[in-house]
Each structure stands twice: as C-alpha cells, then as structure tokens.
Amino acid sequence: ERMLLDAGVGTSHDLSRAAEDARGLGVFVRSLVGLERDAASEAFSRFLNGSTYTRAQIDFVWTIVTHLTENGVMGAERLYEPPF
C-alpha cells in the first residue's frame, strides 16, 4: 500500500476500499494481474539466471509459488507451518 501511495496511485481511501471489496489488497492485485503457474515459473527462472542461491532457498521460494498458484492467497503465518 505504501508503494502505491508513494507512486501517487490512488488515495488511502481508494486502497482501503479496494482491500475491503476484494478481501485484502493482495487478493485484489492478484485478481487484476492473475497468477498462472507457467508465468510464475518463467519469471522465477529469469530471476535465478546467473544467481548463486542455494537449493534450499530455491525450494523454499518454489514452495511459496506453488502454494500461491494453487490457492491464490497465503497468510504470512503459513510460512511457519509445513511444508515451509
């Protein structure tokens, strides 16, 4: 929300209303953009290209991507539960 406000995209009232209407700002943004597994996989592959991340780090992020593409949303508390 802070990034959107700093960029001059809408007002605090607009963002609050969008978050309420869509059951959260994250859900609202994903509903606009969409999150397909193939697109997420391609973006993640581009991000990893030439990087030096460990297998554990890559697996952790891929687990999050998989969860989001299957369920659409994920509360931060899920990061402290299996399989994360």
PDB file of N, CA and C in Angstrom:
ATOM      1  N   GLU A   1       0.824  -1.186   0.000  1.00  0.00           N
ATOM      2  CA  GLU A   1       0.000   0.000   0.000  1.00  0.00           C
ATOM      3  C   GLU A   1       0.867   1.248   0.000  1.00  0.00           C
ATOM      4  N   ARG A   2       1.940   1.206   0.783  1.00  0.00           N
ATOM      5  CA  ARG A   2       2.823   2.370   0.878  1.00  0.00           C
ATOM      6  C   ARG A   2       3.439   2.680  -0.486  1.00  0.00           C
ATOM      7  N   MET A   3       3.866   1.646  -1.218  1.00  0.00           N
ATOM      8  CA  MET A   3       4.462   1.863  -2.539  1.00  0.00           C
ATOM      9  C   MET A   3       3.462   2.502  -3.491  1.00  0.00           C
ATOM     10  N   LEU A   4       2.212   2.047  -3.443  1.00  0.00           N
ATOM     11  CA  LEU A   4       1.199   2.625  -4.320  1.00  0.00           C
ATOM     12  C   LEU A   4       0.937   4.085  -3.977  1.00  0.00           C
ATOM     13  N   LEU A   5       0.842   4.367  -2.686  1.00  0.00           N
ATOM     14  CA  LEU A   5       0.609   5.750  -2.261  1.00  0.00           C
ATOM     15  C   LEU A   5       1.782   6.640  -2.642  1.00  0.00           C
ATOM     16  N   ASP A   6       3.011   6.144  -2.406  1.00  0.00           N
ATOM     17  CA  ASP A   6       4.204   6.931  -2.750  1.00  0.00           C
ATOM     18  C   ASP A   6       4.289   7.196  -4.249  1.00  0.00           C
ATOM     19  N   ALA A   7       3.776   6.253  -5.055  1.00  0.00           N
ATOM     20  CA  ALA A   7       3.805   6.415  -6.513  1.00  0.00           C
ATOM     21  C   ALA A   7       2.647   7.271  -7.009  1.00  0.00           C
ATOM     22  N   GLY A   8       1.751   7.669  -6.090  1.00  0.00           N
ATOM     23  CA  GLY A   8       0.629   8.506  -6.483  1.00  0.00           C
ATOM     24  C   GLY A   8      -0.497   7.738  -7.140  1.00  0.00           C
ATOM     25  N   VAL A   9      -0.557   6.426  -6.897  1.00  0.00           N
ATOM     26  CA  VAL A   9      -1.608   5.580  -7.477  1.00  0.00           C
ATOM     27  C   VAL A   9      -2.757   5.497  -6.474  1.00  0.00           C
ATOM     28  N   GLY A  10      -3.749   6.324  -6.671  1.00  0.00           N
ATOM     29  CA  GLY A  10      -4.914   6.307  -5.795  1.00  0.00           C
ATOM     30  C   GLY A  10      -4.649   7.007  -4.474  1.00  0.00           C
ATOM     31  N   THR A  11      -5.687   6.990  -3.649  1.00  0.00           N
ATOM     32  CA  THR A  11      -5.610   7.593  -2.322  1.00  0.00           C
ATOM     33  C   THR A  11      -5.696   6.496  -1.280  1.00  0.00           C
ATOM     34  N   SER A  12      -5.444   6.848  -0.060  1.00  0.00           N
ATOM     35  CA  SER A  12      -5.563   5.885   1.040  1.00  0.00           C
ATOM     36  C   SER A  12      -6.984   5.326   1.094  1.00  0.00           C
ATOM     37  N   HIS A  13      -7.967   6.192   0.850  1.00  0.00           N
ATOM     38  CA  HIS A  13      -9.370   5.758   0.837  1.00  0.00           C
ATOM     39  C   HIS A  13      -9.610   4.742  -0.284  1.00  0.00           C
ATOM     40  N   ASP A  14      -9.068   5.025  -1.484  1.00  0.00           N
ATOM     41  CA  ASP A  14      -9.225   4.104  -2.615  1.00  0.00           C
ATOM     42  C   ASP A  14      -8.639   2.733  -2.297  1.00  0.00           C
ATOM     43  N   LEU A  15      -7.446   2.726  -1.723  1.00  0.00           N
ATOM     44  CA  LEU A  15      -6.779   1.458  -1.401  1.00  0.00           C
ATOM     45  C   LEU A  15      -7.535   0.695  -0.321  1.00  0.00           C
ATOM     46  N   SER A  16      -8.040   1.396   0.670  1.00  0.00           N
ATOM     47  CA  SER A  16      -8.818   0.746   1.723  1.00  0.00           C
ATOM     48  C   SER A  16     -10.086   0.128   1.156  1.00  0.00           C
ATOM     49  N   ARG A  17     -10.756   0.858   0.290  1.00  0.00           N
ATOM     50  CA  ARG A  17     -11.984   0.343  -0.323  1.00  0.00           C
ATOM     51  C   ARG A  17     -11.690  -0.875  -1.197  1.00  0.00           C
ATOM     52  N   ALA A  18     -10.627  -0.830  -1.978  1.00  0.00           N
ATOM     53  CA  ALA A  18     -10.250  -1.968  -2.827  1.00  0.00           C
ATOM     54  C   ALA A  18      -9.908  -3.183  -1.976  1.00  0.00           C
ATOM     55  N   ALA A  19      -9.210  -2.952  -0.882  1.00  0.00           N
ATOM     56  CA  ALA A  19      -8.843  -4.061   0.010  1.00  0.00           C
ATOM     57  C   ALA A  19     -10.078  -4.692   0.634  1.00  0.00           C
ATOM     58  N   GLU A  20     -11.025  -3.876   1.049  1.00  0.00           N
ATOM     59  CA  GLU A  20     -12.262  -4.389   1.642  1.00  0.00           C
ATOM     60  C   GLU A  20     -13.085  -5.163   0.621  1.00  0.00           C
ATOM     61  N   ASP A  21     -13.235  -4.606  -0.566  1.00  0.00           N
ATOM     62  CA  ASP A  21     -14.049  -5.231  -1.609  1.00  0.00           C
ATOM     63  C   ASP A  21     -13.481  -6.577  -2.052  1.00  0.00           C
ATOM     64  N   ALA A  22     -12.165  -6.704  -2.030  1.00  0.00           N
ATOM     65  CA  ALA A  22     -11.533  -7.919  -2.547  1.00  0.00           C
ATOM     66  C   ALA A  22     -10.990  -8.814  -1.434  1.00  0.00           C
ATOM     67  N   ARG A  23     -11.381  -8.556  -0.189  1.00  0.00           N
ATOM     68  CA  ARG A  23     -10.897  -9.333   0.952  1.00  0.00           C
ATOM     69  C   ARG A  23      -9.378  -9.232   1.114  1.00  0.00           C
ATOM     70  N   GLY A  24      -8.835  -8.056   0.886  1.00  0.00           N
ATOM     71  CA  GLY A  24      -7.408  -7.809   1.072  1.00  0.00           C
ATOM     72  C   GLY A  24      -6.768  -7.252  -0.186  1.00  0.00           C
ATOM     73  N   LEU A  25      -5.804  -6.374  -0.007  1.00  0.00           N
ATOM     74  CA  LEU A  25      -5.159  -5.740  -1.145  1.00  0.00           C
ATOM     75  C   LEU A  25      -4.406  -6.760  -1.992  1.00  0.00           C
ATOM     76  N   GLY A  26      -3.758  -7.726  -1.368  1.00  0.00           N
ATOM     77  CA  GLY A  26      -3.035  -8.748  -2.118  1.00  0.00           C
ATOM     78  C   GLY A  26      -3.952  -9.539  -3.032  1.00  0.00           C
ATOM     79  N   VAL A  27      -5.110  -9.918  -2.528  1.00  0.00           N
ATOM     80  CA  VAL A  27      -6.092 -10.644  -3.341  1.00  0.00           C
ATOM     81  C   VAL A  27      -6.569  -9.773  -4.490  1.00  0.00           C
ATOM     82  N   PHE A  28      -6.788  -8.496  -4.197  1.00  0.00           N
ATOM     83  CA  PHE A  28      -7.225  -7.563  -5.228  1.00  0.00           C
ATOM     84  C   PHE A  28      -6.189  -7.464  -6.348  1.00  0.00           C
ATOM     85  N   VAL A  29      -4.923  -7.293  -5.999  1.00  0.00           N
ATOM     86  CA  VAL A  29      -3.872  -7.172  -7.006  1.00  0.00           C
ATOM     87  C   VAL A  29      -3.770  -8.455  -7.820  1.00  0.00           C
ATOM     88  N   ARG A  30      -3.788  -9.600  -7.157  1.00  0.00           N
ATOM     89  CA  ARG A  30      -3.706 -10.868  -7.894  1.00  0.00           C
ATOM     90  C   ARG A  30      -4.911 -11.083  -8.787  1.00  0.00           C
ATOM     91  N   SER A  31      -6.055 -10.582  -8.384  1.00  0.00           N
ATOM     92  CA  SER A  31      -7.227 -10.740  -9.239  1.00  0.00           C
ATOM     93  C   SER A  31      -7.085  -9.912 -10.505  1.00  0.00           C
ATOM     94  N   LEU A  32      -6.365  -8.799 -10.427  1.00  0.00           N
ATOM     95  CA  LEU A  32      -6.128  -7.972 -11.603  1.00  0.00           C
ATOM     96  C   LEU A  32      -5.049  -8.562 -12.510  1.00  0.00           C
ATOM     97  N   VAL A  33      -3.998  -9.029 -11.913  1.00  0.00           N
ATOM     98  CA  VAL A  33      -2.839  -9.489 -12.657  1.00  0.00           C
ATOM     99  C   VAL A  33      -2.979 -10.946 -13.056  1.00  0.00           C
ATOM    100  N   GLY A  34      -3.502 -11.769 -12.167  1.00  0.00           N
ATOM    101  CA  GLY A  34      -3.559 -13.203 -12.412  1.00  0.00           C
ATOM    102  C   GLY A  34      -2.214 -13.825 -12.070  1.00  0.00           C
ATOM    103  N   LEU A  35      -2.241 -15.067 -11.683  1.00  0.00           N
ATOM    104  CA  LEU A  35      -1.007 -15.743 -11.326  1.00  0.00           C
ATOM    105  C   LEU A  35      -1.095 -17.157 -11.856  1.00  0.00           C
ATOM    106  N   GLU A  36      -0.533 -17.380 -13.035  1.00  0.00           N
ATOM    107  CA  GLU A  36      -0.525 -18.694 -13.639  1.00  0.00           C
ATOM    108  C   GLU A  36       0.809 -19.355 -13.343  1.00  0.00           C
ATOM    109  N   ARG A  37       0.769 -20.660 -13.132  1.00  0.00           N
ATOM    110  CA  ARG A  37       1.973 -21.391 -12.762  1.00  0.00           C
ATOM    111  C   ARG A  37       3.069 -21.248 -13.826  1.00  0.00           C
ATOM    112  N   ASP A  38       2.727 -21.346 -15.093  1.00  0.00           N
ATOM    113  CA  ASP A  38       3.728 -21.230 -16.155  1.00  0.00           C
ATOM    114  C   ASP A  38       4.393 -19.854 -16.143  1.00  0.00           C
ATOM    115  N   ALA A  39       3.602 -18.815 -15.960  1.00  0.00           N
ATOM    116  CA  ALA A  39       4.147 -17.460 -15.931  1.00  0.00           C
ATOM    117  C   ALA A  39       5.034 -17.271 -14.704  1.00  0.00           C
ATOM    118  N   ALA A  40       4.602 -17.805 -13.570  1.00  0.00           N
ATOM    119  CA  ALA A  40       5.404 -17.707 -12.346  1.00  0.00           C
ATOM    120  C   ALA A  40       6.711 -18.468 -12.511  1.00  0.00           C
ATOM    121  N   SER A  41       6.647 -19.643 -13.115  1.00  0.00           N
ATOM    122  CA  SER A  41       7.842 -20.451 -13.340  1.00  0.00           C
ATOM    123  C   SER A  41       8.836 -19.731 -14.247  1.00  0.00           C
ATOM    124  N   GLU A  42       8.337 -19.136 -15.308  1.00  0.00           N
ATOM    125  CA  GLU A  42       9.201 -18.403 -16.241  1.00  0.00           C
ATOM    126  C   GLU A  42       9.852 -17.204 -15.557  1.00  0.00           C
ATOM    127  N   ALA A  43       9.067 -16.441 -14.792  1.00  0.00           N
ATOM    128  CA  ALA A  43       9.603 -15.274 -14.094  1.00  0.00           C
ATOM    129  C   ALA A  43      10.653 -15.691 -13.068  1.00  0.00           C
ATOM    130  N   PHE A  44      10.391 -16.776 -12.364  1.00  0.00           N
ATOM    131  CA  PHE A  44      11.331 -17.256 -11.351  1.00  0.00           C
ATOM    132  C   PHE A  44      12.619 -17.742 -12.016  1.00  0.00           C
ATOM    133  N   SER A  45      12.497 -18.410 -13.139  1.00  0.00           N
ATOM    134  CA  SER A  45      13.680 -18.879 -13.873  1.00  0.00           C
ATOM    135  C   SER A  45      14.544 -17.708 -14.326  1.00  0.00           C
ATOM    136  N   ARG A  46      13.908 -16.649 -14.826  1.00  0.00           N
ATOM    137  CA  ARG A  46      14.656 -15.456 -15.241  1.00  0.00           C
ATOM    138  C   ARG A  46      15.367 -14.821 -14.050  1.00  0.00           C
ATOM    139  N   PHE A  47      14.672 -14.797 -12.915  1.00  0.00           N
ATOM    140  CA  PHE A  47      15.256 -14.224 -11.698  1.00  0.00           C
ATOM    141  C   PHE A  47      16.485 -15.014 -11.259  1.00  0.00           C
ATOM    142  N   LEU A  48      16.410 -16.338 -11.374  1.00  0.00           N
ATOM    143  CA  LEU A  48      17.507 -17.197 -10.925  1.00  0.00           C
ATOM    144  C   LEU A  48      18.684 -17.225 -11.888  1.00  0.00           C
ATOM    145  N   ASN A  49      18.477 -16.835 -13.123  1.00  0.00           N
ATOM    146  CA  ASN A  49      19.516 -16.914 -14.134  1.00  0.00           C
ATOM    147  C   ASN A  49      20.758 -16.143 -13.691  1.00  0.00           C
ATOM    148  N   GLY A  50      21.870 -16.864 -13.569  1.00  0.00           N
ATOM    149  CA  GLY A  50      23.129 -16.245 -13.181  1.00  0.00           C
ATOM    150  C   GLY A  50      23.269 -15.976 -11.695  1.00  0.00           C
ATOM    151  N   SER A  51      22.348 -16.463 -10.875  1.00  0.00           N
ATOM    152  CA  SER A  51      22.401 -16.216  -9.437  1.00  0.00           C
ATOM    153  C   SER A  51      23.124 -17.355  -8.717  1.00  0.00           C
ATOM    154  N   THR A  52      23.353 -17.161  -7.441  1.00  0.00           N
ATOM    155  CA  THR A  52      24.046 -18.161  -6.635  1.00  0.00           C
ATOM    156  C   THR A  52      23.229 -18.555  -5.406  1.00  0.00           C
ATOM    157  N   TYR A  53      21.956 -18.776  -5.585  1.00  0.00           N
ATOM    158  CA  TYR A  53      21.106 -19.184  -4.479  1.00  0.00           C
ATOM    159  C   TYR A  53      21.302 -20.669  -4.202  1.00  0.00           C
ATOM    160  N   THR A  54      21.092 -21.059  -2.945  1.00  0.00           N
ATOM    161  CA  THR A  54      21.231 -22.469  -2.583  1.00  0.00           C
ATOM    162  C   THR A  54      19.991 -23.236  -3.004  1.00  0.00           C
ATOM    163  N   ARG A  55      20.121 -24.534  -3.071  1.00  0.00           N
ATOM    164  CA  ARG A  55      18.984 -25.394  -3.424  1.00  0.00           C
ATOM    165  C   ARG A  55      17.855 -25.193  -2.417  1.00  0.00           C
ATOM    166  N   ALA A  56      18.191 -25.053  -1.119  1.00  0.00           N
ATOM    167  CA  ALA A  56      17.171 -24.856  -0.080  1.00  0.00           C
ATOM    168  C   ALA A  56      16.415 -23.547  -0.294  1.00  0.00           C
ATOM    169  N   GLN A  57      17.128 -22.483  -0.677  1.00  0.00           N
ATOM    170  CA  GLN A  57      16.472 -21.198  -0.923  1.00  0.00           C
ATOM    171  C   GLN A  57      15.536 -21.280  -2.130  1.00  0.00           C
ATOM    172  N   ILE A  58      15.994 -21.931  -3.180  1.00  0.00           N
ATOM    173  CA  ILE A  58      15.170 -22.086  -4.381  1.00  0.00           C
ATOM    174  C   ILE A  58      13.937 -22.921  -4.076  1.00  0.00           C
ATOM    175  N   ASP A  59      14.117 -24.010  -3.343  1.00  0.00           N
ATOM    176  CA  ASP A  59      12.983 -24.867  -2.979  1.00  0.00           C
ATOM    177  C   ASP A  59      11.967 -24.116  -2.123  1.00  0.00           C
ATOM    178  N   PHE A  60      12.451 -23.289  -1.198  1.00  0.00           N
ATOM    179  CA  PHE A  60      11.569 -22.516  -0.332  1.00  0.00           C
ATOM    180  C   PHE A  60      10.688 -21.574  -1.157  1.00  0.00           C
ATOM    181  N   VAL A  61      11.302 -20.822  -2.057  1.00  0.00           N
ATOM    182  CA  VAL A  61      10.536 -19.881  -2.883  1.00  0.00           C
ATOM    183  C   VAL A  61       9.598 -20.646  -3.810  1.00  0.00           C
ATOM    184  N   TRP A  62      10.055 -21.748  -4.377  1.00  0.00           N
ATOM    185  CA  TRP A  62       9.201 -22.518  -5.282  1.00  0.00           C
ATOM    186  C   TRP A  62       7.990 -23.085  -4.534  1.00  0.00           C
ATOM    187  N   THR A  63       8.163 -23.453  -3.271  1.00  0.00           N
ATOM    188  CA  THR A  63       7.041 -23.931  -2.462  1.00  0.00           C
ATOM    189  C   THR A  63       6.005 -22.829  -2.289  1.00  0.00           C
ATOM    190  N   ILE A  64       6.460 -21.609  -2.083  1.00  0.00           N
ATOM    191  CA  ILE A  64       5.546 -20.463  -1.972  1.00  0.00           C
ATOM    192  C   ILE A  64       4.829 -20.238  -3.301  1.00  0.00           C
ATOM    193  N   VAL A  65       5.569 -20.251  -4.402  1.00  0.00           N
ATOM    194  CA  VAL A  65       4.969 -20.054  -5.727  1.00  0.00           C
ATOM    195  C   VAL A  65       3.913 -21.119  -5.983  1.00  0.00           C
ATOM    196  N   THR A  66       4.231 -22.367  -5.669  1.00  0.00           N
ATOM    197  CA  THR A  66       3.279 -23.466  -5.865  1.00  0.00           C
ATOM    198  C   THR A  66       2.016 -23.239  -5.051  1.00  0.00           C
ATOM    199  N   HIS A  67       2.186 -22.860  -3.792  1.00  0.00           N
ATOM    200  CA  HIS A  67       1.015 -22.622  -2.934  1.00  0.00           C
ATOM    201  C   HIS A  67       0.157 -21.489  -3.494  1.00  0.00           C
ATOM    202  N   LEU A  68       0.799 -20.406  -3.911  1.00  0.00           N
ATOM    203  CA  LEU A  68       0.042 -19.262  -4.434  1.00  0.00           C
ATOM    204  C   LEU A  68      -0.662 -19.588  -5.742  1.00  0.00           C
ATOM    205  N   THR A  69      -0.030 -20.363  -6.610  1.00  0.00           N
ATOM    206  CA  THR A  69      -0.684 -20.685  -7.872  1.00  0.00           C
ATOM    207  C   THR A  69      -1.836 -21.661  -7.675  1.00  0.00           C
ATOM    208  N   GLU A  70      -1.765 -22.466  -6.622  1.00  0.00           N
ATOM    209  CA  GLU A  70      -2.851 -23.414  -6.353  1.00  0.00           C
ATOM    210  C   GLU A  70      -3.977 -22.785  -5.542  1.00  0.00           C
ATOM    211  N   ASN A  71      -3.635 -21.870  -4.621  1.00  0.00           N
ATOM    212  CA  ASN A  71      -4.629 -21.336  -3.694  1.00  0.00           C
ATOM    213  C   ASN A  71      -4.931 -19.856  -3.876  1.00  0.00           C
ATOM    214  N   GLY A  72      -4.065 -19.132  -4.570  1.00  0.00           N
ATOM    215  CA  GLY A  72      -4.299 -17.716  -4.818  1.00  0.00           C
ATOM    216  C   GLY A  72      -3.844 -16.794  -3.713  1.00  0.00           C
ATOM    217  N   VAL A  73      -3.922 -17.223  -2.482  1.00  0.00           N
ATOM    218  CA  VAL A  73      -3.524 -16.383  -1.353  1.00  0.00           C
ATOM    219  C   VAL A  73      -2.768 -17.226  -0.334  1.00  0.00           C
ATOM    220  N   MET A  74      -2.026 -16.534   0.523  1.00  0.00           N
ATOM    221  CA  MET A  74      -1.332 -17.217   1.605  1.00  0.00           C
ATOM    222  C   MET A  74      -1.078 -16.221   2.713  1.00  0.00           C
ATOM    223  N   GLY A  75      -1.569 -16.532   3.875  1.00  0.00           N
ATOM    224  CA  GLY A  75      -1.292 -15.691   5.028  1.00  0.00           C
ATOM    225  C   GLY A  75       0.150 -15.881   5.469  1.00  0.00           C
ATOM    226  N   ALA A  76       0.750 -14.842   6.027  1.00  0.00           N
ATOM    227  CA  ALA A  76       2.148 -14.905   6.462  1.00  0.00           C
ATOM    228  C   ALA A  76       2.373 -15.999   7.502  1.00  0.00           C
ATOM    229  N   GLU A  77       1.352 -16.315   8.283  1.00  0.00           N
ATOM    230  CA  GLU A  77       1.506 -17.351   9.319  1.00  0.00           C
ATOM    231  C   GLU A  77       1.794 -18.722   8.719  1.00  0.00           C
ATOM    232  N   ARG A  78       1.399 -18.946   7.463  1.00  0.00           N
ATOM    233  CA  ARG A  78       1.656 -20.223   6.788  1.00  0.00           C
ATOM    234  C   ARG A  78       3.148 -20.490   6.632  1.00  0.00           C
ATOM    235  N   LEU A  79       3.973 -19.435   6.610  1.00  0.00           N
ATOM    236  CA  LEU A  79       5.408 -19.593   6.457  1.00  0.00           C
ATOM    237  C   LEU A  79       6.042 -20.342   7.631  1.00  0.00           C
ATOM    238  N   TYR A  80       5.313 -20.415   8.747  1.00  0.00           N
ATOM    239  CA  TYR A  80       5.827 -21.094   9.934  1.00  0.00           C
ATOM    240  C   TYR A  80       5.263 -22.496  10.094  1.00  0.00           C
ATOM    241  N   GLU A  81       4.530 -22.958   9.068  1.00  0.00           N
ATOM    242  CA  GLU A  81       3.917 -24.281   9.083  1.00  0.00           C
ATOM    243  C   GLU A  81       4.472 -25.119   7.949  1.00  0.00           C
ATOM    244  N   PRO A  82       4.367 -26.463   8.075  1.00  0.00           N
ATOM    245  CA  PRO A  82       4.778 -27.313   6.967  1.00  0.00           C
ATOM    246  C   PRO A  82       3.928 -27.016   5.735  1.00  0.00           C
ATOM    247  N   PRO A  83       4.432 -27.062   4.555  1.00  0.00           N
ATOM    248  CA  PRO A  83       5.749 -27.560   4.156  1.00  0.00           C
ATOM    249  C   PRO A  83       6.822 -26.477   4.092  1.00  0.00           C
ATOM    250  N   PHE A  84       6.549 -25.308   4.655  1.00  0.00           N
ATOM    251  CA  PHE A  84       7.503 -24.204   4.558  1.00  0.00           C
ATOM    252  C   PHE A  84       8.554 -24.310   5.619  1.00  0.00           C
TER     253      PHE A  84
END
